[in-house]
Amino acid sequence: MDLGPLTEVVEIGNELRRNALDGLGPLAPMVTAAAQILTAALALGALAFGKSYWAPPTGLSFFAVRVGGLLAGIGLVGLYVWSVNGGTPLAFLMVGFGGILTGAVAALVYYYWWSLLCFKCPGRKTVYVKGLVLTENAQNVLAGKGEGVFKPIGPPPSTAIQYFCGTNTVADPVWTPESHVHAEMRLVTRYLFFMVPMLVGLASASFALTQPEYKVEANTIFLPSDVLFDFKKADIRPGAVITLEDAAKLIQKRKVTSARIVGYTDAIGSDSFNKLLSQNRAEAVRTWLITIGGLNSVRFSVEGRGASEPVAPNTNRDGSDDPVGRAKNRRVTIVLGD
């Protein structure tokens, strides 16, 4: 998939994902399942109890947390349905990246408004929210034109917060009720823009790790070589287990008795090297499917075709290298029933 300027970023993300899978090895499913359970628990907990450490300190907090939990829960259910209906690792990776980035930016915005609108009175632990517009009463008090409706305790206040803290924390004589509600709504909306995308993004990133990376067309399974092997090598990567296991399940489900495994490379290197490399890679896939995938009853034939039969250009029209095209040409196909 050519995403223009984002292509390189996506490739870096894909490689990081594959390296993470290699590092986790057989623990990958457990680690990603734990991440999914954690995000689901946070969403369900917010929905059930209406409490969150990061919730805005307003009368709308209970409402905000529950709405955030509901929206995040809907998003997580959508991700799960998408995962069992063929969502690709790349798509989950992009949703995860977008969600985490959006959540991170929204978190900074939320923190800015929190620091702008929230405060504590001296000697008190409660966090309060100030309004956006002073009442006429507060303006007169702060301008030294009178004591106002509520006489502050101690010296005359010089700020709205001092006036608030000196009136037994009664907001109405300091800020207009409408502006106080608007301030609370600003915190609530920014909290939701931070909480929901972050939870959905983290869950999507975990789904990206455990989604098998292959394509099926008719009776042919297409496996990207970059998923299975390191560059110029024919040893199965530890992170390829998820993809190969899913391919083996598909072969079993279709009750295949024979299949042909064909390896291909890009155009870098000599014809003899590429043909041998593609042959060895096809052999490695066959060995894995038989010894680990449990397909010892399936008759596999193996063939290496090197850089022949490319499915995309290896170079651009100006003769420069086309890494995206070359990546598409590096593949192993499993033709079922042949």
C-alpha atoms as a PDB file:
ATOM      1  CA  MET A   1       0.000   0.000   0.000  1.00  0.00           C
ATOM      2  CA  ASP A   2       1.501   3.336  -1.076  1.00  0.00           C
ATOM      3  CA  LEU A   3       0.596   5.997   1.482  1.00  0.00           C
ATOM      4  CA  GLY A   4       2.740   8.745   0.033  1.00  0.00           C
ATOM      5  CA  PRO A   5       4.752  10.596   2.705  1.00  0.00           C
ATOM      6  CA  LEU A   6       3.463   8.181   5.358  1.00  0.00           C
ATOM      7  CA  THR A   7       4.850   5.114   3.596  1.00  0.00           C
ATOM      8  CA  GLU A   8       8.225   5.312   5.336  1.00  0.00           C
ATOM      9  CA  VAL A   9       6.599   5.895   8.744  1.00  0.00           C
ATOM     10  CA  VAL A  10       4.328   2.876   8.214  1.00  0.00           C
ATOM     11  CA  GLU A  11       7.287   0.719   7.185  1.00  0.00           C
ATOM     12  CA  ILE A  12       9.167   1.734  10.334  1.00  0.00           C
ATOM     13  CA  GLY A  13       6.094   0.899  12.415  1.00  0.00           C
ATOM     14  CA  ASN A  14       5.748  -2.454  10.681  1.00  0.00           C
ATOM     15  CA  GLU A  15       9.384  -3.300  11.335  1.00  0.00           C
ATOM     16  CA  LEU A  16       9.065  -2.297  14.990  1.00  0.00           C
ATOM     17  CA  ARG A  17       5.997  -4.532  15.230  1.00  0.00           C
ATOM     18  CA  ARG A  18       7.868  -7.495  13.736  1.00  0.00           C
ATOM     19  CA  ASN A  19      10.865  -6.920  15.986  1.00  0.00           C
ATOM     20  CA  ALA A  20       8.544  -6.815  18.995  1.00  0.00           C
ATOM     21  CA  LEU A  21       7.053 -10.137  17.919  1.00  0.00           C
ATOM     22  CA  ASP A  22      10.538 -11.595  17.501  1.00  0.00           C
ATOM     23  CA  GLY A  23      11.488 -10.406  20.977  1.00  0.00           C
ATOM     24  CA  LEU A  24       8.333 -11.690  22.645  1.00  0.00           C
ATOM     25  CA  GLY A  25       8.379 -15.000  20.773  1.00  0.00           C
ATOM     26  CA  PRO A  26       5.809 -17.458  22.203  1.00  0.00           C
ATOM     27  CA  LEU A  27       4.873 -14.927  24.888  1.00  0.00           C
ATOM     28  CA  ALA A  28       3.394 -12.534  22.291  1.00  0.00           C
ATOM     29  CA  PRO A  29      -0.209 -13.852  22.517  1.00  0.00           C
ATOM     30  CA  MET A  30      -0.171 -13.701  26.331  1.00  0.00           C
ATOM     31  CA  VAL A  31       1.322 -10.200  26.451  1.00  0.00           C
ATOM     32  CA  THR A  32      -1.106  -8.808  23.893  1.00  0.00           C
ATOM     33  CA  ALA A  33      -4.058 -10.563  25.547  1.00  0.00           C
ATOM     34  CA  ALA A  34      -3.038  -8.954  28.851  1.00  0.00           C
ATOM     35  CA  ALA A  35      -2.970  -5.530  27.162  1.00  0.00           C
ATOM     36  CA  GLN A  36      -6.432  -6.107  25.693  1.00  0.00           C
ATOM     37  CA  ILE A  37      -7.807  -7.298  29.038  1.00  0.00           C
ATOM     38  CA  LEU A  38      -6.329  -4.266  30.796  1.00  0.00           C
ATOM     39  CA  THR A  39      -7.850  -1.747  28.365  1.00  0.00           C
ATOM     40  CA  ALA A  40     -11.199  -3.571  28.523  1.00  0.00           C
ATOM     41  CA  ALA A  41     -11.075  -3.549  32.345  1.00  0.00           C
ATOM     42  CA  LEU A  42     -10.355   0.191  32.397  1.00  0.00           C
ATOM     43  CA  ALA A  43     -13.274   0.871  30.049  1.00  0.00           C
ATOM     44  CA  LEU A  44     -15.678  -1.394  31.965  1.00  0.00           C
ATOM     45  CA  GLY A  45     -14.514  -0.034  35.316  1.00  0.00           C
ATOM     46  CA  ALA A  46     -15.103   3.529  34.165  1.00  0.00           C
ATOM     47  CA  LEU A  47     -18.557   2.595  32.868  1.00  0.00           C
ATOM     48  CA  ALA A  48     -19.548   0.676  36.007  1.00  0.00           C
ATOM     49  CA  PHE A  49     -18.134   2.909  38.751  1.00  0.00           C
ATOM     50  CA  GLY A  50     -17.889   6.328  37.096  1.00  0.00           C
ATOM     51  CA  LYS A  51     -14.495   6.975  38.680  1.00  0.00           C
ATOM     52  CA  SER A  52     -11.115   7.699  37.159  1.00  0.00           C
ATOM     53  CA  TYR A  53      -7.863   9.114  38.492  1.00  0.00           C
ATOM     54  CA  TRP A  54      -7.688  11.534  35.563  1.00  0.00           C
ATOM     55  CA  ALA A  55     -11.344  12.610  35.667  1.00  0.00           C
ATOM     56  CA  PRO A  56     -12.049  16.352  35.836  1.00  0.00           C
ATOM     57  CA  PRO A  57     -12.933  17.556  39.366  1.00  0.00           C
ATOM     58  CA  THR A  58     -16.428  18.707  38.465  1.00  0.00           C
ATOM     59  CA  GLY A  59     -19.992  17.804  39.226  1.00  0.00           C
ATOM     60  CA  LEU A  60     -20.025  16.268  35.741  1.00  0.00           C
ATOM     61  CA  SER A  61     -17.126  13.922  36.530  1.00  0.00           C
ATOM     62  CA  PHE A  62     -19.319  10.881  37.129  1.00  0.00           C
ATOM     63  CA  PHE A  63     -21.106  11.491  33.820  1.00  0.00           C
ATOM     64  CA  ALA A  64     -17.866  12.129  31.921  1.00  0.00           C
ATOM     65  CA  VAL A  65     -16.148   8.966  33.141  1.00  0.00           C
ATOM     66  CA  ARG A  66     -19.117   6.762  32.330  1.00  0.00           C
ATOM     67  CA  VAL A  67     -19.556   8.232  28.847  1.00  0.00           C
ATOM     68  CA  GLY A  68     -15.828   7.766  28.234  1.00  0.00           C
ATOM     69  CA  GLY A  69     -16.018   4.159  29.404  1.00  0.00           C
ATOM     70  CA  LEU A  70     -19.024   3.508  27.165  1.00  0.00           C
ATOM     71  CA  LEU A  71     -17.385   5.026  24.066  1.00  0.00           C
ATOM     72  CA  ALA A  72     -14.102   3.200  24.730  1.00  0.00           C
ATOM     73  CA  GLY A  73     -15.997  -0.066  25.281  1.00  0.00           C
ATOM     74  CA  ILE A  74     -17.816   0.330  21.965  1.00  0.00           C
ATOM     75  CA  GLY A  75     -14.475   0.973  20.295  1.00  0.00           C
ATOM     76  CA  LEU A  76     -12.910  -2.138  21.843  1.00  0.00           C
ATOM     77  CA  VAL A  77     -15.820  -4.321  20.755  1.00  0.00           C
ATOM     78  CA  GLY A  78     -15.478  -2.913  17.252  1.00  0.00           C
ATOM     79  CA  LEU A  79     -11.767  -3.755  17.231  1.00  0.00           C
ATOM     80  CA  TYR A  80     -12.478  -7.326  18.312  1.00  0.00           C
ATOM     81  CA  VAL A  81     -15.121  -7.834  15.623  1.00  0.00           C
ATOM     82  CA  TRP A  82     -12.723  -6.347  13.079  1.00  0.00           C
ATOM     83  CA  SER A  83      -9.927  -8.675  14.231  1.00  0.00           C
ATOM     84  CA  VAL A  84     -11.993 -11.846  13.683  1.00  0.00           C
ATOM     85  CA  ASN A  85     -13.209 -10.601  10.317  1.00  0.00           C
ATOM     86  CA  GLY A  86      -9.874 -10.096   8.611  1.00  0.00           C
ATOM     87  CA  GLY A  87      -8.494  -6.803   9.907  1.00  0.00           C
ATOM     88  CA  THR A  88      -4.892  -6.482   8.756  1.00  0.00           C
ATOM     89  CA  PRO A  89      -1.940  -5.767  11.073  1.00  0.00           C
ATOM     90  CA  LEU A  90      -1.179  -2.626   9.058  1.00  0.00           C
ATOM     91  CA  ALA A  91      -4.722  -1.296   9.541  1.00  0.00           C
ATOM     92  CA  PHE A  92      -4.632  -1.992  13.283  1.00  0.00           C
ATOM     93  CA  LEU A  93      -1.190  -0.407  13.467  1.00  0.00           C
ATOM     94  CA  MET A  94      -2.441   2.768  11.791  1.00  0.00           C
ATOM     95  CA  VAL A  95      -5.503   2.966  14.067  1.00  0.00           C
ATOM     96  CA  GLY A  96      -3.273   2.351  17.080  1.00  0.00           C
ATOM     97  CA  PHE A  97      -0.784   5.018  16.011  1.00  0.00           C
ATOM     98  CA  GLY A  98      -3.560   7.495  15.292  1.00  0.00           C
ATOM     99  CA  GLY A  99      -5.343   6.787  18.578  1.00  0.00           C
ATOM    100  CA  ILE A 100      -2.220   7.038  20.729  1.00  0.00           C
ATOM    101  CA  LEU A 101      -1.052  10.200  18.949  1.00  0.00           C
ATOM    102  CA  THR A 102      -4.499  11.799  19.254  1.00  0.00           C
ATOM    103  CA  GLY A 103      -4.722  10.772  22.895  1.00  0.00           C
ATOM    104  CA  ALA A 104      -1.259  12.130  23.660  1.00  0.00           C
ATOM    105  CA  VAL A 105      -2.003  15.505  22.057  1.00  0.00           C
ATOM    106  CA  ALA A 106      -5.404  15.627  23.772  1.00  0.00           C
ATOM    107  CA  ALA A 107      -3.724  14.789  27.088  1.00  0.00           C
ATOM    108  CA  LEU A 108      -1.486  17.837  26.724  1.00  0.00           C
ATOM    109  CA  VAL A 109      -4.501  19.992  25.886  1.00  0.00           C
ATOM    110  CA  TYR A 110      -6.391  18.528  28.848  1.00  0.00           C
ATOM    111  CA  TYR A 111      -3.450  19.209  31.158  1.00  0.00           C
ATOM    112  CA  TYR A 112      -3.299  22.804  29.894  1.00  0.00           C
ATOM    113  CA  TRP A 113      -6.977  23.427  30.666  1.00  0.00           C
ATOM    114  CA  TRP A 114      -6.668  21.576  33.975  1.00  0.00           C
ATOM    115  CA  SER A 115      -3.795  23.858  35.063  1.00  0.00           C
ATOM    116  CA  LEU A 116      -5.756  26.879  33.817  1.00  0.00           C
ATOM    117  CA  LEU A 117      -9.099  26.096  35.449  1.00  0.00           C
ATOM    118  CA  CYS A 118      -8.379  23.882  38.466  1.00  0.00           C
ATOM    119  CA  PHE A 119      -6.997  25.023  41.801  1.00  0.00           C
ATOM    120  CA  LYS A 120      -6.853  24.249  45.528  1.00  0.00           C
ATOM    121  CA  CYS A 121      -7.458  26.523  48.472  1.00  0.00           C
ATOM    122  CA  PRO A 122      -4.641  26.787  51.037  1.00  0.00           C
ATOM    123  CA  GLY A 123      -4.854  23.997  53.583  1.00  0.00           C
ATOM    124  CA  ARG A 124      -7.479  22.031  51.642  1.00  0.00           C
ATOM    125  CA  LYS A 125      -7.123  18.883  49.514  1.00  0.00           C
ATOM    126  CA  THR A 126     -10.228  19.417  47.388  1.00  0.00           C
ATOM    127  CA  VAL A 127      -9.665  20.498  43.796  1.00  0.00           C
ATOM    128  CA  TYR A 128     -12.071  23.166  42.524  1.00  0.00           C
ATOM    129  CA  VAL A 129     -12.903  24.505  39.062  1.00  0.00           C
ATOM    130  CA  LYS A 130     -13.135  28.210  38.467  1.00  0.00           C
ATOM    131  CA  GLY A 131     -15.540  29.798  36.018  1.00  0.00           C
ATOM    132  CA  LEU A 132     -14.697  31.796  32.922  1.00  0.00           C
ATOM    133  CA  VAL A 133     -16.507  35.069  33.739  1.00  0.00           C
ATOM    134  CA  LEU A 134     -16.572  36.976  37.033  1.00  0.00           C
ATOM    135  CA  THR A 135     -19.879  38.128  38.463  1.00  0.00           C
ATOM    136  CA  GLU A 136     -20.505  41.826  38.865  1.00  0.00           C
ATOM    137  CA  ASN A 137     -20.324  41.247  42.608  1.00  0.00           C
ATOM    138  CA  ALA A 138     -16.822  39.727  42.341  1.00  0.00           C
ATOM    139  CA  GLN A 139     -15.635  42.474  40.023  1.00  0.00           C
ATOM    140  CA  ASN A 140     -16.687  45.110  42.570  1.00  0.00           C
ATOM    141  CA  VAL A 141     -15.004  43.264  45.457  1.00  0.00           C
ATOM    142  CA  LEU A 142     -11.738  42.792  43.566  1.00  0.00           C
ATOM    143  CA  ALA A 143     -11.817  46.437  42.480  1.00  0.00           C
ATOM    144  CA  GLY A 144     -12.184  47.509  46.117  1.00  0.00           C
ATOM    145  CA  LYS A 145     -15.654  48.939  45.596  1.00  0.00           C
ATOM    146  CA  GLY A 146     -17.362  46.977  48.354  1.00  0.00           C
ATOM    147  CA  GLU A 147     -17.435  43.829  50.416  1.00  0.00           C
ATOM    148  CA  GLY A 148     -19.824  42.038  48.085  1.00  0.00           C
ATOM    149  CA  VAL A 149     -22.591  39.618  48.903  1.00  0.00           C
ATOM    150  CA  PHE A 150     -20.196  37.423  50.875  1.00  0.00           C
ATOM    151  CA  LYS A 151     -17.644  39.106  53.065  1.00  0.00           C
ATOM    152  CA  PRO A 152     -14.304  37.327  52.635  1.00  0.00           C
ATOM    153  CA  ILE A 153     -12.470  36.065  55.683  1.00  0.00           C
ATOM    154  CA  GLY A 154      -9.192  37.844  56.309  1.00  0.00           C
ATOM    155  CA  PRO A 155      -7.674  40.636  54.215  1.00  0.00           C
ATOM    156  CA  PRO A 156      -9.395  41.922  51.049  1.00  0.00           C
ATOM    157  CA  PRO A 157      -8.814  39.484  48.142  1.00  0.00           C
ATOM    158  CA  SER A 158      -6.749  40.465  45.146  1.00  0.00           C
ATOM    159  CA  THR A 159      -7.720  37.492  42.947  1.00  0.00           C
ATOM    160  CA  ALA A 160     -10.902  35.567  42.221  1.00  0.00           C
ATOM    161  CA  ILE A 161      -9.404  32.422  43.774  1.00  0.00           C
ATOM    162  CA  GLN A 162      -8.593  34.277  47.024  1.00  0.00           C
ATOM    163  CA  TYR A 163     -12.154  35.594  47.092  1.00  0.00           C
ATOM    164  CA  PHE A 164     -13.526  32.085  46.466  1.00  0.00           C
ATOM    165  CA  CYS A 165     -11.380  30.488  49.172  1.00  0.00           C
ATOM    166  CA  GLY A 166     -12.386  33.235  51.612  1.00  0.00           C
ATOM    167  CA  THR A 167     -16.140  32.703  51.202  1.00  0.00           C
ATOM    168  CA  ASN A 168     -16.412  29.084  52.347  1.00  0.00           C
ATOM    169  CA  THR A 169     -15.932  27.964  48.722  1.00  0.00           C
ATOM    170  CA  VAL A 170     -19.175  29.295  47.302  1.00  0.00           C
ATOM    171  CA  ALA A 171     -18.657  29.737  43.554  1.00  0.00           C
ATOM    172  CA  ASP A 172     -21.810  31.679  42.662  1.00  0.00           C
ATOM    173  CA  PRO A 173     -20.738  35.074  44.069  1.00  0.00           C
ATOM    174  CA  VAL A 174     -17.403  34.782  42.221  1.00  0.00           C
ATOM    175  CA  TRP A 175     -18.198  33.372  38.759  1.00  0.00           C
ATOM    176  CA  THR A 176     -21.411  33.398  36.790  1.00  0.00           C
ATOM    177  CA  PRO A 177     -23.183  30.005  36.864  1.00  0.00           C
ATOM    178  CA  GLU A 178     -23.193  29.779  33.054  1.00  0.00           C
ATOM    179  CA  SER A 179     -19.451  30.370  32.797  1.00  0.00           C
ATOM    180  CA  HIS A 180     -18.809  27.839  35.554  1.00  0.00           C
ATOM    181  CA  VAL A 181     -20.754  25.185  33.621  1.00  0.00           C
ATOM    182  CA  HIS A 182     -18.885  26.103  30.425  1.00  0.00           C
ATOM    183  CA  ALA A 183     -15.560  25.660  32.229  1.00  0.00           C
ATOM    184  CA  GLU A 184     -16.619  22.234  33.468  1.00  0.00           C
ATOM    185  CA  MET A 185     -17.752  21.230  29.968  1.00  0.00           C
ATOM    186  CA  ARG A 186     -14.389  22.251  28.545  1.00  0.00           C
ATOM    187  CA  LEU A 187     -12.670  19.920  30.972  1.00  0.00           C
ATOM    188  CA  VAL A 188     -15.143  17.100  30.294  1.00  0.00           C
ATOM    189  CA  THR A 189     -14.848  17.240  26.488  1.00  0.00           C
ATOM    190  CA  ARG A 190     -11.063  17.416  26.606  1.00  0.00           C
ATOM    191  CA  TYR A 191     -11.005  14.510  29.034  1.00  0.00           C
ATOM    192  CA  LEU A 192     -13.083  12.415  26.612  1.00  0.00           C
ATOM    193  CA  PHE A 193     -10.822  13.317  23.671  1.00  0.00           C
ATOM    194  CA  PHE A 194      -7.885  12.111  25.760  1.00  0.00           C
ATOM    195  CA  MET A 195      -9.337   8.989  27.386  1.00  0.00           C
ATOM    196  CA  VAL A 196     -11.215   7.334  24.516  1.00  0.00           C
ATOM    197  CA  PRO A 197      -8.607   7.551  21.706  1.00  0.00           C
ATOM    198  CA  MET A 198      -5.818   6.510  24.083  1.00  0.00           C
ATOM    199  CA  LEU A 199      -7.601   3.341  25.246  1.00  0.00           C
ATOM    200  CA  VAL A 200      -8.727   2.424  21.731  1.00  0.00           C
ATOM    201  CA  GLY A 201      -5.267   3.177  20.331  1.00  0.00           C
ATOM    202  CA  LEU A 202      -3.492   0.994  22.898  1.00  0.00           C
ATOM    203  CA  ALA A 203      -5.939  -1.861  22.287  1.00  0.00           C
ATOM    204  CA  SER A 204      -5.552  -1.524  18.508  1.00  0.00           C
ATOM    205  CA  ALA A 205      -1.760  -1.631  18.810  1.00  0.00           C
ATOM    206  CA  SER A 206      -2.049  -4.893  20.768  1.00  0.00           C
ATOM    207  CA  PHE A 207      -4.376  -6.342  18.113  1.00  0.00           C
ATOM    208  CA  ALA A 208      -1.798  -5.379  15.473  1.00  0.00           C
ATOM    209  CA  LEU A 209       0.740  -7.643  17.153  1.00  0.00           C
ATOM    210  CA  THR A 210      -1.431 -10.740  17.069  1.00  0.00           C
ATOM    211  CA  GLN A 211      -3.080 -10.363  13.664  1.00  0.00           C
ATOM    212  CA  PRO A 212      -1.705 -12.848  11.092  1.00  0.00           C
ATOM    213  CA  GLU A 213      -0.056 -11.129   8.157  1.00  0.00           C
ATOM    214  CA  TYR A 214      -1.049 -12.879   4.949  1.00  0.00           C
ATOM    215  CA  LYS A 215      -3.550 -12.673   2.110  1.00  0.00           C
ATOM    216  CA  VAL A 216      -5.775 -15.349   0.580  1.00  0.00           C
ATOM    217  CA  GLU A 217      -7.047 -15.283  -2.986  1.00  0.00           C
ATOM    218  CA  ALA A 218      -9.073 -18.275  -4.209  1.00  0.00           C
ATOM    219  CA  ASN A 219      -6.838 -21.295  -3.475  1.00  0.00           C
ATOM    220  CA  THR A 220      -3.589 -19.384  -2.880  1.00  0.00           C
ATOM    221  CA  ILE A 221      -2.114 -18.080   0.390  1.00  0.00           C
ATOM    222  CA  PHE A 222       0.329 -15.164  -0.035  1.00  0.00           C
ATOM    223  CA  LEU A 223       2.920 -14.826   2.752  1.00  0.00           C
ATOM    224  CA  PRO A 224       5.207 -11.732   2.744  1.00  0.00           C
ATOM    225  CA  SER A 225       8.815 -12.846   3.064  1.00  0.00           C
ATOM    226  CA  ASP A 226       9.585  -9.878   5.331  1.00  0.00           C
ATOM    227  CA  VAL A 227       7.195 -11.376   7.883  1.00  0.00           C
ATOM    228  CA  LEU A 228       8.819 -14.808   7.704  1.00  0.00           C
ATOM    229  CA  PHE A 229      12.514 -14.072   7.196  1.00  0.00           C
ATOM    230  CA  ASP A 230      15.258 -11.544   7.799  1.00  0.00           C
ATOM    231  CA  PHE A 231      16.875  -9.942   4.746  1.00  0.00           C
ATOM    232  CA  LYS A 232      18.740 -12.503   2.601  1.00  0.00           C
ATOM    233  CA  LYS A 233      18.098 -15.290   5.123  1.00  0.00           C
ATOM    234  CA  ALA A 234      15.932 -18.412   5.138  1.00  0.00           C
ATOM    235  CA  ASP A 235      15.496 -18.968   8.884  1.00  0.00           C
ATOM    236  CA  ILE A 236      11.927 -18.512  10.132  1.00  0.00           C
ATOM    237  CA  ARG A 237      11.658 -15.430  12.348  1.00  0.00           C
ATOM    238  CA  PRO A 238      10.236 -16.049  15.858  1.00  0.00           C
ATOM    239  CA  GLY A 239       7.583 -13.419  15.181  1.00  0.00           C
ATOM    240  CA  ALA A 240       6.314 -15.342  12.124  1.00  0.00           C
ATOM    241  CA  VAL A 241       4.699 -17.999  14.330  1.00  0.00           C
ATOM    242  CA  ILE A 242       1.330 -16.204  14.539  1.00  0.00           C
ATOM    243  CA  THR A 243       1.059 -15.896  10.758  1.00  0.00           C
ATOM    244  CA  LEU A 244       2.176 -19.465  10.068  1.00  0.00           C
ATOM    245  CA  GLU A 245      -0.128 -20.897  12.736  1.00  0.00           C
ATOM    246  CA  ASP A 246      -3.104 -19.128  11.183  1.00  0.00           C
ATOM    247  CA  ALA A 247      -2.122 -20.324   7.711  1.00  0.00           C
ATOM    248  CA  ALA A 248      -1.844 -23.894   9.031  1.00  0.00           C
ATOM    249  CA  LYS A 249      -5.325 -23.620  10.575  1.00  0.00           C
ATOM    250  CA  LEU A 250      -6.702 -22.452   7.233  1.00  0.00           C
ATOM    251  CA  ILE A 251      -5.126 -25.408   5.433  1.00  0.00           C
ATOM    252  CA  GLN A 252      -6.584 -27.794   8.014  1.00  0.00           C
ATOM    253  CA  LYS A 253      -9.999 -26.144   7.794  1.00  0.00           C
ATOM    254  CA  ARG A 254     -10.091 -26.616   4.025  1.00  0.00           C
ATOM    255  CA  LYS A 255      -9.040 -30.263   4.443  1.00  0.00           C
ATOM    256  CA  VAL A 256      -6.224 -29.860   1.933  1.00  0.00           C
ATOM    257  CA  THR A 257      -4.339 -33.051   1.060  1.00  0.00           C
ATOM    258  CA  SER A 258      -1.672 -31.536  -1.209  1.00  0.00           C
ATOM    259  CA  ALA A 259      -0.178 -28.097  -1.786  1.00  0.00           C
ATOM    260  CA  ARG A 260       2.676 -26.420  -3.639  1.00  0.00           C
ATOM    261  CA  ILE A 261       4.932 -23.939  -1.810  1.00  0.00           C
ATOM    262  CA  VAL A 262       6.691 -21.428  -4.074  1.00  0.00           C
ATOM    263  CA  GLY A 263       9.304 -18.896  -2.959  1.00  0.00           C
ATOM    264  CA  TYR A 264      10.063 -15.582  -4.682  1.00  0.00           C
ATOM    265  CA  THR A 265      12.608 -12.786  -4.135  1.00  0.00           C
ATOM    266  CA  ASP A 266      13.094  -9.235  -5.359  1.00  0.00           C
ATOM    267  CA  ALA A 267      15.597  -8.356  -8.096  1.00  0.00           C
ATOM    268  CA  ILE A 268      18.559  -7.557  -5.825  1.00  0.00           C
ATOM    269  CA  GLY A 269      21.317 -10.138  -6.184  1.00  0.00           C
ATOM    270  CA  SER A 270      22.251 -12.653  -8.872  1.00  0.00           C
ATOM    271  CA  ASP A 271      19.739 -15.026 -10.434  1.00  0.00           C
ATOM    272  CA  SER A 272      21.470 -18.058  -8.951  1.00  0.00           C
ATOM    273  CA  PHE A 273      21.527 -16.557  -5.449  1.00  0.00           C
ATOM    274  CA  ASN A 274      17.864 -15.517  -5.595  1.00  0.00           C
ATOM    275  CA  LYS A 275      16.750 -18.894  -6.916  1.00  0.00           C
ATOM    276  CA  LEU A 276      18.575 -20.732  -4.130  1.00  0.00           C
ATOM    277  CA  LEU A 277      17.299 -18.295  -1.484  1.00  0.00           C
ATOM    278  CA  SER A 278      13.694 -18.645  -2.654  1.00  0.00           C
ATOM    279  CA  GLN A 279      14.047 -22.449  -2.704  1.00  0.00           C
ATOM    280  CA  ASN A 280      15.441 -22.494   0.843  1.00  0.00           C
ATOM    281  CA  ARG A 281      12.670 -20.221   2.086  1.00  0.00           C
ATOM    282  CA  ALA A 282       9.982 -22.417   0.583  1.00  0.00           C
ATOM    283  CA  GLU A 283      11.663 -25.436   2.193  1.00  0.00           C
ATOM    284  CA  ALA A 284      11.712 -23.652   5.562  1.00  0.00           C
ATOM    285  CA  VAL A 285       7.974 -22.963   5.329  1.00  0.00           C
ATOM    286  CA  ARG A 286       7.265 -26.591   4.435  1.00  0.00           C
ATOM    287  CA  THR A 287       9.369 -27.847   7.338  1.00  0.00           C
ATOM    288  CA  TRP A 288       7.564 -25.541   9.772  1.00  0.00           C
ATOM    289  CA  LEU A 289       4.091 -26.532   8.537  1.00  0.00           C
ATOM    290  CA  ILE A 290       4.892 -30.227   8.858  1.00  0.00           C
ATOM    291  CA  THR A 291       6.902 -30.336  12.094  1.00  0.00           C
ATOM    292  CA  ILE A 292       5.279 -27.502  14.070  1.00  0.00           C
ATOM    293  CA  GLY A 293       2.054 -26.766  12.210  1.00  0.00           C
ATOM    294  CA  GLY A 294       0.932 -30.399  12.440  1.00  0.00           C
ATOM    295  CA  LEU A 295       0.354 -30.824   8.695  1.00  0.00           C
ATOM    296  CA  ASN A 296       2.366 -34.041   8.286  1.00  0.00           C
ATOM    297  CA  SER A 297      -0.547 -35.607   6.382  1.00  0.00           C
ATOM    298  CA  VAL A 298      -0.386 -32.933   3.651  1.00  0.00           C
ATOM    299  CA  ARG A 299       1.832 -33.615   0.608  1.00  0.00           C
ATOM    300  CA  PHE A 300       3.875 -30.464  -0.013  1.00  0.00           C
ATOM    301  CA  SER A 301       5.952 -29.833  -3.115  1.00  0.00           C
ATOM    302  CA  VAL A 302       8.506 -27.021  -3.043  1.00  0.00           C
ATOM    303  CA  GLU A 303       9.790 -24.669  -5.731  1.00  0.00           C
ATOM    304  CA  GLY A 304      12.030 -21.591  -5.801  1.00  0.00           C
ATOM    305  CA  ARG A 305      11.514 -19.115  -8.623  1.00  0.00           C
ATOM    306  CA  GLY A 306      13.847 -16.316  -7.503  1.00  0.00           C
ATOM    307  CA  ALA A 307      13.049 -12.894  -8.953  1.00  0.00           C
ATOM    308  CA  SER A 308      10.888 -14.262 -11.776  1.00  0.00           C
ATOM    309  CA  GLU A 309       7.189 -13.431 -11.979  1.00  0.00           C
ATOM    310  CA  PRO A 310       7.297 -10.104 -10.082  1.00  0.00           C
ATOM    311  CA  VAL A 311       3.937  -8.741  -8.974  1.00  0.00           C
ATOM    312  CA  ALA A 312       5.236  -5.150  -8.770  1.00  0.00           C
ATOM    313  CA  PRO A 313       8.092  -3.117 -10.325  1.00  0.00           C
ATOM    314  CA  ASN A 314      11.456  -3.435  -8.573  1.00  0.00           C
ATOM    315  CA  THR A 315      12.446   0.024  -9.807  1.00  0.00           C
ATOM    316  CA  ASN A 316      10.696   3.301 -10.541  1.00  0.00           C
ATOM    317  CA  ARG A 317      10.300   4.688 -14.051  1.00  0.00           C
ATOM    318  CA  ASP A 318      13.436   6.793 -13.654  1.00  0.00           C
ATOM    319  CA  GLY A 319      15.447   3.682 -12.779  1.00  0.00           C
ATOM    320  CA  SER A 320      15.690   4.419  -9.059  1.00  0.00           C
ATOM    321  CA  ASP A 321      15.004   1.746  -6.471  1.00  0.00           C
ATOM    322  CA  ASP A 322      11.370   1.027  -5.531  1.00  0.00           C
ATOM    323  CA  PRO A 323      11.479  -0.524  -2.018  1.00  0.00           C
ATOM    324  CA  VAL A 324       7.689  -0.810  -1.826  1.00  0.00           C
ATOM    325  CA  GLY A 325       7.565  -2.770  -5.079  1.00  0.00           C
ATOM    326  CA  ARG A 326      10.457  -4.988  -4.044  1.00  0.00           C
ATOM    327  CA  ALA A 327       8.733  -5.771  -0.740  1.00  0.00           C
ATOM    328  CA  LYS A 328       5.683  -7.012  -2.640  1.00  0.00           C
ATOM    329  CA  ASN A 329       7.866  -9.285  -4.770  1.00  0.00           C
ATOM    330  CA  ARG A 330       9.482 -10.923  -1.733  1.00  0.00           C
ATOM    331  CA  ARG A 331       6.879 -13.538  -0.943  1.00  0.00           C
ATOM    332  CA  VAL A 332       6.064 -17.196  -0.413  1.00  0.00           C
ATOM    333  CA  THR A 333       2.862 -18.598  -1.870  1.00  0.00           C
ATOM    334  CA  ILE A 334       1.041 -21.766  -0.875  1.00  0.00           C
ATOM    335  CA  VAL A 335      -1.136 -23.063  -3.695  1.00  0.00           C
ATOM    336  CA  LEU A 336      -3.697 -25.383  -2.131  1.00  0.00           C
ATOM    337  CA  GLY A 337      -4.714 -28.620  -3.746  1.00  0.00           C
ATOM    338  CA  ASP A 338      -1.989 -28.519  -6.387  1.00  0.00           C
END
